[in-house]
C-alpha atoms as a PDB file:
ATOM      1  CA  UNK A   1     -28.574  -2.508-101.999  1.00  0.00           C
ATOM      2  CA  UNK A   2     -26.643  -4.351 -99.315  1.00  0.00           C
ATOM      3  CA  UNK A   3     -26.278  -1.199 -97.254  1.00  0.00           C
ATOM      4  CA  UNK A   4     -29.956  -0.454 -97.758  1.00  0.00           C
ATOM      5  CA  UNK A   5     -30.769  -3.949 -96.697  1.00  0.00           C
ATOM      6  CA  UNK A   6     -28.546  -3.589 -93.644  1.00  0.00           C
ATOM      7  CA  UNK A   7     -30.429  -0.454 -92.663  1.00  0.00           C
ATOM      8  CA  UNK A   8     -33.781  -2.166 -93.044  1.00  0.00           C
ATOM      9  CA  UNK A   9     -32.512  -5.042 -90.863  1.00  0.00           C
ATOM     10  CA  UNK A  10     -30.815  -3.051 -88.117  1.00  0.00           C
ATOM     11  CA  UNK A  11     -33.303  -0.267 -87.735  1.00  0.00           C
ATOM     12  CA  UNK A  12     -36.131  -2.420 -86.327  1.00  0.00           C
ATOM     13  CA  UNK A  13     -33.653  -4.040 -83.867  1.00  0.00           C
ATOM     14  CA  UNK A  14     -32.531  -0.648 -82.587  1.00  0.00           C
ATOM     15  CA  UNK A  15     -36.119   0.474 -82.229  1.00  0.00           C
ATOM     16  CA  UNK A  16     -36.962  -2.747 -80.362  1.00  0.00           C
ATOM     17  CA  UNK A  17     -34.078  -2.207 -77.914  1.00  0.00           C
ATOM     18  CA  UNK A  18     -35.165   1.387 -77.318  1.00  0.00           C
ATOM     19  CA  UNK A  19     -38.718   0.249 -76.633  1.00  0.00           C
ATOM     20  CA  UNK A  20     -37.782  -2.741 -74.410  1.00  0.00           C
ATOM     21  CA  UNK A  21     -35.258  -0.824 -72.260  1.00  0.00           C
ATOM     22  CA  UNK A  22     -37.887   1.163 -70.304  1.00  0.00           C
ATOM     23  CA  UNK A  23     -39.935  -2.023 -69.820  1.00  0.00           C
ATOM     24  CA  UNK A  24     -36.931  -3.881 -68.392  1.00  0.00           C
ATOM     25  CA  UNK A  25     -36.084  -0.953 -66.125  1.00  0.00           C
ATOM     26  CA  UNK A  26     -39.689  -0.827 -64.941  1.00  0.00           C
ATOM     27  CA  UNK A  27     -39.706  -4.562 -64.186  1.00  0.00           C
ATOM     28  CA  UNK A  28     -36.411  -4.275 -62.307  1.00  0.00           C
ATOM     29  CA  UNK A  29     -37.727  -1.386 -60.247  1.00  0.00           C
ATOM     30  CA  UNK A  30     -40.948  -3.324 -59.540  1.00  0.00           C
ATOM     31  CA  UNK A  31     -38.926  -6.346 -58.386  1.00  0.00           C
ATOM     32  CA  UNK A  32     -36.835  -4.149 -56.088  1.00  0.00           C
ATOM     33  CA  UNK A  33     -39.965  -2.657 -54.528  1.00  0.00           C
ATOM     34  CA  UNK A  34     -41.442  -6.135 -54.040  1.00  0.00           C
ATOM     35  CA  UNK A  35     -38.216  -7.329 -52.389  1.00  0.00           C
ATOM     36  CA  UNK A  36     -38.120  -4.307 -50.065  1.00  0.00           C
ATOM     37  CA  UNK A  37     -41.763  -4.823 -49.060  1.00  0.00           C
ATOM     38  CA  UNK A  38     -41.130  -8.527 -48.445  1.00  0.00           C
ATOM     39  CA  UNK A  39     -38.146  -7.773 -46.201  1.00  0.00           C
ATOM     40  CA  UNK A  40     -40.169  -5.124 -44.372  1.00  0.00           C
ATOM     41  CA  UNK A  41     -43.013  -7.558 -43.684  1.00  0.00           C
ATOM     42  CA  UNK A  42     -40.555 -10.263 -42.536  1.00  0.00           C
ATOM     43  CA  UNK A  43     -38.790  -7.820 -40.185  1.00  0.00           C
ATOM     44  CA  UNK A  44     -42.116  -6.747 -38.651  1.00  0.00           C
ATOM     45  CA  UNK A  45     -43.170 -10.390 -38.244  1.00  0.00           C
ATOM     46  CA  UNK A  46     -39.815 -11.250 -36.629  1.00  0.00           C
ATOM     47  CA  UNK A  47     -40.154  -8.356 -34.190  1.00  0.00           C
ATOM     48  CA  UNK A  48     -43.677  -9.447 -33.256  1.00  0.00           C
ATOM     49  CA  UNK A  49     -42.460 -13.010 -32.593  1.00  0.00           C
ATOM     50  CA  UNK A  50     -39.232 -12.070 -30.801  1.00  0.00           C
ATOM     51  CA  UNK A  51     -40.551  -9.233 -28.623  1.00  0.00           C
ATOM     52  CA  UNK A  52     -42.321 -11.499 -26.070  1.00  0.00           C
ATOM     53  CA  UNK A  53     -39.182 -13.661 -25.808  1.00  0.00           C
ATOM     54  CA  UNK A  54     -36.963 -10.624 -25.271  1.00  0.00           C
ATOM     55  CA  UNK A  55     -39.427  -9.277 -22.691  1.00  0.00           C
ATOM     56  CA  UNK A  56     -39.409 -12.589 -20.784  1.00  0.00           C
ATOM     57  CA  UNK A  57     -35.606 -12.771 -20.880  1.00  0.00           C
ATOM     58  CA  UNK A  58     -35.279  -9.207 -19.531  1.00  0.00           C
ATOM     59  CA  UNK A  59     -37.880  -9.822 -16.828  1.00  0.00           C
ATOM     60  CA  UNK A  60     -36.015 -12.951 -15.702  1.00  0.00           C
ATOM     61  CA  UNK A  61     -32.900 -10.888 -14.818  1.00  0.00           C
ATOM     62  CA  UNK A  62     -34.747  -8.032 -13.092  1.00  0.00           C
ATOM     63  CA  UNK A  63     -35.260  -7.531  -9.398  1.00  0.00           C
ATOM     64  CA  UNK A  64     -38.712  -8.846  -8.389  1.00  0.00           C
ATOM     65  CA  UNK A  65     -39.913  -5.309  -7.597  1.00  0.00           C
ATOM     66  CA  UNK A  66     -38.913  -4.024 -11.046  1.00  0.00           C
ATOM     67  CA  UNK A  67     -40.907  -6.787 -12.754  1.00  0.00           C
ATOM     68  CA  UNK A  68     -44.145  -5.152 -11.550  1.00  0.00           C
ATOM     69  CA  UNK A  69     -43.143  -1.588 -12.369  1.00  0.00           C
ATOM     70  CA  UNK A  70     -45.292   0.322 -14.886  1.00  0.00           C
ATOM     71  CA  UNK A  71     -44.024   1.860 -17.104  1.00  0.00           C
ATOM     72  CA  UNK A  72     -41.252  -0.739 -17.298  1.00  0.00           C
ATOM     73  CA  UNK A  73     -37.690   0.232 -16.485  1.00  0.00           C
ATOM     74  CA  UNK A  74     -35.372  -0.545 -19.380  1.00  0.00           C
ATOM     75  CA  UNK A  75     -32.094   0.365 -17.688  1.00  0.00           C
ATOM     76  CA  UNK A  76     -31.441  -1.787 -14.618  1.00  0.00           C
ATOM     77  CA  UNK A  77     -28.757  -3.850 -12.923  1.00  0.00           C
ATOM     78  CA  UNK A  78     -29.095  -7.517 -14.028  1.00  0.00           C
ATOM     79  CA  UNK A  79     -29.447 -10.158 -11.342  1.00  0.00           C
ATOM     80  CA  UNK A  80     -29.712 -13.955 -11.285  1.00  0.00           C
ATOM     81  CA  UNK A  81     -31.848 -14.000  -8.141  1.00  0.00           C
ATOM     82  CA  UNK A  82     -34.912 -15.302  -9.995  1.00  0.00           C
ATOM     83  CA  UNK A  83     -32.942 -18.264 -11.340  1.00  0.00           C
ATOM     84  CA  UNK A  84     -31.522 -18.994  -7.915  1.00  0.00           C
ATOM     85  CA  UNK A  85     -35.014 -18.854  -6.443  1.00  0.00           C
ATOM     86  CA  UNK A  86     -36.583 -21.411  -8.770  1.00  0.00           C
ATOM     87  CA  UNK A  87     -33.803 -23.938  -8.074  1.00  0.00           C
ATOM     88  CA  UNK A  88     -33.640 -23.130  -4.352  1.00  0.00           C
ATOM     89  CA  UNK A  89     -37.327 -23.067  -3.438  1.00  0.00           C
ATOM     90  CA  UNK A  90     -38.534 -25.925  -5.675  1.00  0.00           C
ATOM     91  CA  UNK A  91     -37.023 -29.176  -7.051  1.00  0.00           C
ATOM     92  CA  UNK A  92     -36.807 -27.526 -10.456  1.00  0.00           C
ATOM     93  CA  UNK A  93     -33.828 -29.619 -11.532  1.00  0.00           C
ATOM     94  CA  UNK A  94     -35.921 -32.733 -10.877  1.00  0.00           C
ATOM     95  CA  UNK A  95     -38.761 -31.334 -12.985  1.00  0.00           C
ATOM     96  CA  UNK A  96     -36.283 -30.606 -15.771  1.00  0.00           C
ATOM     97  CA  UNK A  97     -34.929 -34.163 -15.631  1.00  0.00           C
ATOM     98  CA  UNK A  98     -38.464 -35.613 -15.674  1.00  0.00           C
ATOM     99  CA  UNK A  99     -39.361 -33.620 -18.772  1.00  0.00           C
ATOM    100  CA  UNK A 100     -36.133 -34.624 -20.518  1.00  0.00           C
ATOM    101  CA  UNK A 101     -36.594 -38.343 -19.792  1.00  0.00           C
ATOM    102  CA  UNK A 102     -40.238 -38.364 -20.878  1.00  0.00           C
ATOM    103  CA  UNK A 103     -39.699 -36.256 -24.020  1.00  0.00           C
ATOM    104  CA  UNK A 104     -36.586 -38.129 -25.191  1.00  0.00           C
ATOM    105  CA  UNK A 105     -38.077 -41.579 -24.533  1.00  0.00           C
ATOM    106  CA  UNK A 106     -41.328 -40.686 -26.283  1.00  0.00           C
ATOM    107  CA  UNK A 107     -39.468 -39.236 -29.268  1.00  0.00           C
ATOM    108  CA  UNK A 108     -37.191 -42.281 -29.521  1.00  0.00           C
ATOM    109  CA  UNK A 109     -40.058 -44.788 -29.647  1.00  0.00           C
ATOM    110  CA  UNK A 110     -42.148 -42.561 -31.927  1.00  0.00           C
ATOM    111  CA  UNK A 111     -39.334 -42.347 -34.478  1.00  0.00           C
ATOM    112  CA  UNK A 112     -38.404 -46.042 -34.117  1.00  0.00           C
ATOM    113  CA  UNK A 113     -41.918 -47.435 -34.556  1.00  0.00           C
ATOM    114  CA  UNK A 114     -43.013 -44.628 -36.873  1.00  0.00           C
ATOM    115  CA  UNK A 115     -40.145 -45.194 -39.316  1.00  0.00           C
ATOM    116  CA  UNK A 116     -40.808 -48.923 -39.694  1.00  0.00           C
ATOM    117  CA  UNK A 117     -44.565 -48.423 -39.975  1.00  0.00           C
ATOM    118  CA  UNK A 118     -44.170 -45.586 -42.490  1.00  0.00           C
ATOM    119  CA  UNK A 119     -41.762 -47.707 -44.574  1.00  0.00           C
ATOM    120  CA  UNK A 120     -44.227 -50.590 -44.658  1.00  0.00           C
ATOM    121  CA  UNK A 121     -47.110 -48.330 -45.697  1.00  0.00           C
ATOM    122  CA  UNK A 122     -45.031 -46.480 -48.296  1.00  0.00           C
ATOM    123  CA  UNK A 123     -43.379 -49.492 -49.928  1.00  0.00           C
ATOM    124  CA  UNK A 124     -45.973 -52.257 -49.495  1.00  0.00           C
ATOM    125  CA  UNK A 125     -49.167 -50.140 -49.248  1.00  0.00           C
ATOM    126  CA  UNK A 126     -50.040 -51.864 -45.976  1.00  0.00           C
ATOM    127  CA  UNK A 127     -53.690 -51.269 -45.136  1.00  0.00           C
ATOM    128  CA  UNK A 128     -54.293 -49.227 -48.286  1.00  0.00           C
ATOM    129  CA  UNK A 129     -55.696 -45.719 -48.262  1.00  0.00           C
ATOM    130  CA  UNK A 130     -58.127 -46.538 -45.430  1.00  0.00           C
ATOM    131  CA  UNK A 131     -55.277 -47.226 -43.016  1.00  0.00           C
ATOM    132  CA  UNK A 132     -53.606 -43.889 -43.794  1.00  0.00           C
ATOM    133  CA  UNK A 133     -56.895 -42.082 -43.219  1.00  0.00           C
ATOM    134  CA  UNK A 134     -57.412 -43.957 -39.949  1.00  0.00           C
ATOM    135  CA  UNK A 135     -53.943 -42.898 -38.763  1.00  0.00           C
ATOM    136  CA  UNK A 136     -54.670 -39.246 -39.522  1.00  0.00           C
ATOM    137  CA  UNK A 137     -58.084 -39.487 -37.850  1.00  0.00           C
ATOM    138  CA  UNK A 138     -56.452 -40.723 -34.623  1.00  0.00           C
ATOM    139  CA  UNK A 139     -54.170 -37.680 -34.623  1.00  0.00           C
ATOM    140  CA  UNK A 140     -57.138 -35.298 -34.756  1.00  0.00           C
ATOM    141  CA  UNK A 141     -58.763 -36.716 -31.627  1.00  0.00           C
ATOM    142  CA  UNK A 142     -58.546 -34.194 -28.734  1.00  0.00           C
ATOM    143  CA  UNK A 143     -56.681 -35.401 -25.664  1.00  0.00           C
ATOM    144  CA  UNK A 144     -59.453 -34.358 -23.290  1.00  0.00           C
ATOM    145  CA  UNK A 145     -61.845 -36.790 -25.001  1.00  0.00           C
ATOM    146  CA  UNK A 146     -59.919 -39.818 -23.707  1.00  0.00           C
ATOM    147  CA  UNK A 147     -58.335 -38.287 -20.611  1.00  0.00           C
ATOM    148  CA  UNK A 148     -60.683 -39.983 -18.113  1.00  0.00           C
ATOM    149  CA  UNK A 149     -60.180 -43.516 -19.583  1.00  0.00           C
ATOM    150  CA  UNK A 150     -56.414 -42.931 -19.583  1.00  0.00           C
ATOM    151  CA  UNK A 151     -56.554 -41.838 -15.929  1.00  0.00           C
ATOM    152  CA  UNK A 152     -58.582 -44.921 -14.960  1.00  0.00           C
ATOM    153  CA  UNK A 153     -56.234 -47.267 -16.848  1.00  0.00           C
ATOM    154  CA  UNK A 154     -53.207 -45.643 -15.206  1.00  0.00           C
ATOM    155  CA  UNK A 155     -54.717 -46.359 -11.795  1.00  0.00           C
ATOM    156  CA  UNK A 156     -55.669 -49.937 -12.695  1.00  0.00           C
ATOM    157  CA  UNK A 157     -52.173 -50.803 -13.948  1.00  0.00           C
ATOM    158  CA  UNK A 158     -50.416 -48.896 -11.128  1.00  0.00           C
ATOM    159  CA  UNK A 159     -48.834 -46.433 -13.556  1.00  0.00           C
ATOM    160  CA  UNK A 160     -49.953 -43.203 -11.904  1.00  0.00           C
ATOM    161  CA  UNK A 161     -47.021 -40.915 -11.058  1.00  0.00           C
ATOM    162  CA  UNK A 162     -44.614 -42.909 -13.229  1.00  0.00           C
ATOM    163  CA  UNK A 163     -42.873 -41.988 -16.462  1.00  0.00           C
ATOM    164  CA  UNK A 164     -44.868 -44.571 -18.409  1.00  0.00           C
ATOM    165  CA  UNK A 165     -48.126 -42.898 -17.376  1.00  0.00           C
ATOM    166  CA  UNK A 166     -47.146 -40.070 -19.740  1.00  0.00           C
ATOM    167  CA  UNK A 167     -44.953 -41.870 -22.288  1.00  0.00           C
ATOM    168  CA  UNK A 168     -47.686 -44.322 -23.371  1.00  0.00           C
ATOM    169  CA  UNK A 169     -50.447 -41.682 -23.874  1.00  0.00           C
ATOM    170  CA  UNK A 170     -47.977 -39.357 -25.600  1.00  0.00           C
ATOM    171  CA  UNK A 171     -47.062 -42.156 -28.002  1.00  0.00           C
ATOM    172  CA  UNK A 172     -50.734 -42.728 -28.807  1.00  0.00           C
ATOM    173  CA  UNK A 173     -50.892 -39.148 -30.096  1.00  0.00           C
ATOM    174  CA  UNK A 174     -47.392 -38.695 -31.508  1.00  0.00           C
ATOM    175  CA  UNK A 175     -47.033 -42.054 -33.275  1.00  0.00           C
ATOM    176  CA  UNK A 176     -49.832 -41.445 -35.835  1.00  0.00           C
ATOM    177  CA  UNK A 177     -48.350 -38.012 -36.532  1.00  0.00           C
ATOM    178  CA  UNK A 178     -44.855 -39.475 -36.954  1.00  0.00           C
ATOM    179  CA  UNK A 179     -46.079 -42.193 -39.317  1.00  0.00           C
ATOM    180  CA  UNK A 180     -48.011 -39.699 -41.410  1.00  0.00           C
ATOM    181  CA  UNK A 181     -45.036 -37.353 -41.651  1.00  0.00           C
ATOM    182  CA  UNK A 182     -42.399 -39.981 -42.465  1.00  0.00           C
ATOM    183  CA  UNK A 183     -44.552 -41.686 -45.122  1.00  0.00           C
ATOM    184  CA  UNK A 184     -44.213 -38.652 -47.385  1.00  0.00           C
ATOM    185  CA  UNK A 185     -40.399 -38.755 -47.143  1.00  0.00           C
ATOM    186  CA  UNK A 186     -40.190 -42.447 -48.014  1.00  0.00           C
ATOM    187  CA  UNK A 187     -42.538 -41.843 -50.950  1.00  0.00           C
ATOM    188  CA  UNK A 188     -40.068 -39.485 -52.652  1.00  0.00           C
ATOM    189  CA  UNK A 189     -37.096 -41.885 -52.358  1.00  0.00           C
ATOM    190  CA  UNK A 190     -36.578 -43.713 -55.699  1.00  0.00           C
ATOM    191  CA  UNK A 191     -37.145 -47.448 -55.466  1.00  0.00           C
ATOM    192  CA  UNK A 192     -34.203 -47.994 -57.845  1.00  0.00           C
ATOM    193  CA  UNK A 193     -31.686 -47.188 -55.096  1.00  0.00           C
ATOM    194  CA  UNK A 194     -33.214 -49.729 -52.751  1.00  0.00           C
ATOM    195  CA  UNK A 195     -33.441 -52.364 -55.500  1.00  0.00           C
ATOM    196  CA  UNK A 196     -29.775 -51.781 -56.359  1.00  0.00           C
ATOM    197  CA  UNK A 197     -28.833 -52.463 -52.732  1.00  0.00           C
ATOM    198  CA  UNK A 198     -30.898 -55.681 -52.792  1.00  0.00           C
ATOM    199  CA  UNK A 199     -29.189 -56.788 -55.992  1.00  0.00           C
ATOM    200  CA  UNK A 200     -25.793 -56.197 -54.337  1.00  0.00           C
ATOM    201  CA  UNK A 201     -26.740 -58.671 -51.615  1.00  0.00           C
ATOM    202  CA  UNK A 202     -28.240 -56.451 -48.927  1.00  0.00           C
ATOM    203  CA  UNK A 203     -31.227 -57.683 -46.953  1.00  0.00           C
ATOM    204  CA  UNK A 204     -34.472 -55.730 -46.799  1.00  0.00           C
ATOM    205  CA  UNK A 205     -33.579 -54.478 -43.313  1.00  0.00           C
ATOM    206  CA  UNK A 206     -30.095 -53.414 -44.430  1.00  0.00           C
ATOM    207  CA  UNK A 207     -31.567 -51.563 -47.403  1.00  0.00           C
ATOM    208  CA  UNK A 208     -33.897 -49.735 -45.050  1.00  0.00           C
ATOM    209  CA  UNK A 209     -31.204 -48.867 -42.514  1.00  0.00           C
ATOM    210  CA  UNK A 210     -28.373 -47.958 -44.876  1.00  0.00           C
ATOM    211  CA  UNK A 211     -30.191 -46.611 -47.945  1.00  0.00           C
ATOM    212  CA  UNK A 212     -33.697 -45.370 -47.175  1.00  0.00           C
ATOM    213  CA  UNK A 213     -33.189 -44.084 -43.626  1.00  0.00           C
ATOM    214  CA  UNK A 214     -30.157 -41.872 -44.447  1.00  0.00           C
ATOM    215  CA  UNK A 215     -32.014 -40.406 -47.431  1.00  0.00           C
ATOM    216  CA  UNK A 216     -35.052 -39.716 -45.256  1.00  0.00           C
ATOM    217  CA  UNK A 217     -32.906 -38.331 -42.408  1.00  0.00           C
ATOM    218  CA  UNK A 218     -33.995 -34.670 -42.882  1.00  0.00           C
ATOM    219  CA  UNK A 219     -37.654 -35.661 -42.657  1.00  0.00           C
ATOM    220  CA  UNK A 220     -37.056 -37.934 -39.698  1.00  0.00           C
ATOM    221  CA  UNK A 221     -35.159 -35.135 -37.917  1.00  0.00           C
ATOM    222  CA  UNK A 222     -38.019 -32.695 -38.531  1.00  0.00           C
ATOM    223  CA  UNK A 223     -40.505 -35.258 -37.216  1.00  0.00           C
ATOM    224  CA  UNK A 224     -38.309 -35.892 -34.167  1.00  0.00           C
ATOM    225  CA  UNK A 225     -38.104 -32.224 -33.202  1.00  0.00           C
ATOM    226  CA  UNK A 226     -41.873 -31.787 -33.564  1.00  0.00           C
ATOM    227  CA  UNK A 227     -42.487 -34.935 -31.491  1.00  0.00           C
ATOM    228  CA  UNK A 228     -40.065 -33.696 -28.847  1.00  0.00           C
ATOM    229  CA  UNK A 229     -41.818 -30.316 -28.715  1.00  0.00           C
ATOM    230  CA  UNK A 230     -45.189 -31.960 -28.109  1.00  0.00           C
ATOM    231  CA  UNK A 231     -43.849 -34.084 -25.247  1.00  0.00           C
ATOM    232  CA  UNK A 232     -41.827 -31.217 -23.777  1.00  0.00           C
ATOM    233  CA  UNK A 233     -44.702 -28.704 -23.750  1.00  0.00           C
ATOM    234  CA  UNK A 234     -47.725 -30.926 -23.049  1.00  0.00           C
ATOM    235  CA  UNK A 235     -49.692 -29.722 -20.013  1.00  0.00           C
ATOM    236  CA  UNK A 236     -53.110 -31.352 -19.620  1.00  0.00           C
ATOM    237  CA  UNK A 237     -52.147 -35.031 -19.290  1.00  0.00           C
ATOM    238  CA  UNK A 238     -49.075 -34.113 -17.244  1.00  0.00           C
ATOM    239  CA  UNK A 239     -51.321 -32.234 -14.833  1.00  0.00           C
ATOM    240  CA  UNK A 240     -53.664 -35.223 -14.333  1.00  0.00           C
ATOM    241  CA  UNK A 241     -51.267 -38.197 -14.497  1.00  0.00           C
ATOM    242  CA  UNK A 242     -48.250 -36.996 -12.491  1.00  0.00           C
ATOM    243  CA  UNK A 243     -47.512 -36.432  -8.830  1.00  0.00           C
ATOM    244  CA  UNK A 244     -44.530 -35.083  -6.949  1.00  0.00           C
ATOM    245  CA  UNK A 245     -42.150 -37.708  -8.354  1.00  0.00           C
ATOM    246  CA  UNK A 246     -42.769 -37.185 -12.085  1.00  0.00           C
ATOM    247  CA  UNK A 247     -43.972 -33.582 -12.307  1.00  0.00           C
ATOM    248  CA  UNK A 248     -42.798 -31.918 -15.526  1.00  0.00           C
ATOM    249  CA  UNK A 249     -41.712 -28.389 -16.416  1.00  0.00           C
ATOM    250  CA  UNK A 250     -45.078 -27.103 -17.724  1.00  0.00           C
ATOM    251  CA  UNK A 251     -46.655 -27.979 -14.366  1.00  0.00           C
ATOM    252  CA  UNK A 252     -43.743 -26.398 -12.492  1.00  0.00           C
ATOM    253  CA  UNK A 253     -44.090 -23.197 -14.504  1.00  0.00           C
ATOM    254  CA  UNK A 254     -47.815 -22.992 -13.801  1.00  0.00           C
ATOM    255  CA  UNK A 255     -47.106 -23.053 -10.047  1.00  0.00           C
ATOM    256  CA  UNK A 256     -46.000 -19.417 -10.274  1.00  0.00           C
ATOM    257  CA  UNK A 257     -49.552 -18.432 -11.227  1.00  0.00           C
ATOM    258  CA  UNK A 258     -51.042 -18.281  -7.728  1.00  0.00           C
ATOM    259  CA  UNK A 259     -54.200 -16.899  -6.139  1.00  0.00           C
ATOM    260  CA  UNK A 260     -52.121 -14.081  -4.649  1.00  0.00           C
ATOM    261  CA  UNK A 261     -50.916 -13.039  -8.090  1.00  0.00           C
ATOM    262  CA  UNK A 262     -48.345 -13.844 -10.727  1.00  0.00           C
ATOM    263  CA  UNK A 263     -44.697 -14.116  -9.690  1.00  0.00           C
ATOM    264  CA  UNK A 264     -43.317 -12.600 -12.872  1.00  0.00           C
ATOM    265  CA  UNK A 265     -39.627 -12.867 -12.021  1.00  0.00           C
ATOM    266  CA  UNK A 266     -39.483 -16.608 -11.182  1.00  0.00           C
ATOM    267  CA  UNK A 267     -42.070 -17.333 -13.881  1.00  0.00           C
ATOM    268  CA  UNK A 268     -39.922 -15.672 -16.546  1.00  0.00           C
ATOM    269  CA  UNK A 269     -36.791 -17.455 -15.309  1.00  0.00           C
ATOM    270  CA  UNK A 270     -38.584 -20.827 -15.441  1.00  0.00           C
ATOM    271  CA  UNK A 271     -39.796 -20.121 -18.991  1.00  0.00           C
ATOM    272  CA  UNK A 272     -36.268 -19.215 -20.131  1.00  0.00           C
ATOM    273  CA  UNK A 273     -34.881 -22.451 -18.666  1.00  0.00           C
ATOM    274  CA  UNK A 274     -37.666 -24.357 -20.421  1.00  0.00           C
ATOM    275  CA  UNK A 275     -37.020 -22.684 -23.781  1.00  0.00           C
ATOM    276  CA  UNK A 276     -33.213 -23.081 -23.852  1.00  0.00           C
ATOM    277  CA  UNK A 277     -33.010 -26.884 -24.556  1.00  0.00           C
ATOM    278  CA  UNK A 278     -35.553 -26.715 -27.376  1.00  0.00           C
ATOM    279  CA  UNK A 279     -33.790 -23.707 -28.918  1.00  0.00           C
ATOM    280  CA  UNK A 280     -30.395 -25.408 -28.776  1.00  0.00           C
ATOM    281  CA  UNK A 281     -31.832 -28.602 -30.249  1.00  0.00           C
ATOM    282  CA  UNK A 282     -33.511 -26.716 -33.106  1.00  0.00           C
ATOM    283  CA  UNK A 283     -30.333 -24.775 -33.909  1.00  0.00           C
ATOM    284  CA  UNK A 284     -28.168 -27.907 -33.803  1.00  0.00           C
ATOM    285  CA  UNK A 285     -30.257 -29.639 -36.476  1.00  0.00           C
ATOM    286  CA  UNK A 286     -31.566 -26.550 -38.287  1.00  0.00           C
ATOM    287  CA  UNK A 287     -30.137 -27.779 -41.607  1.00  0.00           C
ATOM    288  CA  UNK A 288     -32.032 -31.053 -41.370  1.00  0.00           C
ATOM    289  CA  UNK A 289     -35.097 -29.223 -40.074  1.00  0.00           C
ATOM    290  CA  UNK A 290     -35.328 -26.868 -43.074  1.00  0.00           C
ATOM    291  CA  UNK A 291     -34.735 -29.688 -45.568  1.00  0.00           C
ATOM    292  CA  UNK A 292     -37.131 -32.011 -43.782  1.00  0.00           C
ATOM    293  CA  UNK A 293     -40.026 -29.573 -43.625  1.00  0.00           C
ATOM    294  CA  UNK A 294     -39.772 -28.919 -47.374  1.00  0.00           C
ATOM    295  CA  UNK A 295     -38.558 -32.219 -48.851  1.00  0.00           C
ATOM    296  CA  UNK A 296     -41.686 -34.275 -48.295  1.00  0.00           C
ATOM    297  CA  UNK A 297     -43.942 -31.596 -49.742  1.00  0.00           C
ATOM    298  CA  UNK A 298     -42.696 -32.214 -53.313  1.00  0.00           C
ATOM    299  CA  UNK A 299     -43.265 -35.553 -54.978  1.00  0.00           C
END
């Protein structure tokens, strides 16, 4: 009876294994196909994104004549003549310095003011939901809508062709964005950690600086790089509010688009020089950037 019972118990299990094995194999094969397709799509997307950058980099080290050649010549002797030209014929180093000063200063104040404002809104609900909506609404306003008033104010206060003529308008656009971004990172930080620091004798400012800010560092870093990118790449206000003393890189790059045609060699070299600092900055904080762009999305 026991053996008979053992057969009646084990037989259904064996049958179940035999039936489930093909299903598991099919699921595994389906997952492998999905993974292969995902990698294929990602590789195609990466090639689409990287091809223009590779093309620009190759054009920047070609002889000027080869830059216009159709079909393009892939095998050529590299030269740095285009890079020498942009620094020799124009004050390109000055333009680079102007962009760096304006972008770094704007980013510094945006993160400084944005962090304190975001902390106040997150912890004390300053202004309520209306204030948060008002901040976001300011960010959606197009720059061209207020460009003429900004130009007139710059002339009235003698700010035209100064760094502040760009830093102040940039802050008016970047600060709402920074506040909105950093709020979400402070929201996910447990209040218990801050309260523990207060119980241990820390002041509210010390709790913010030594507890909340380090925990929100990935989000703040992501916000900083996005703020820097806006200031570094902005064209319209820089075109209207700067002169020879404070001209930035986007304006310098556009000078190679002339009525006589496009100077592809110097243009490509200028673009490469403009891209390098942002690329190095992104790679140096890529860990914070990845964490920051994902951390605030989950509450």
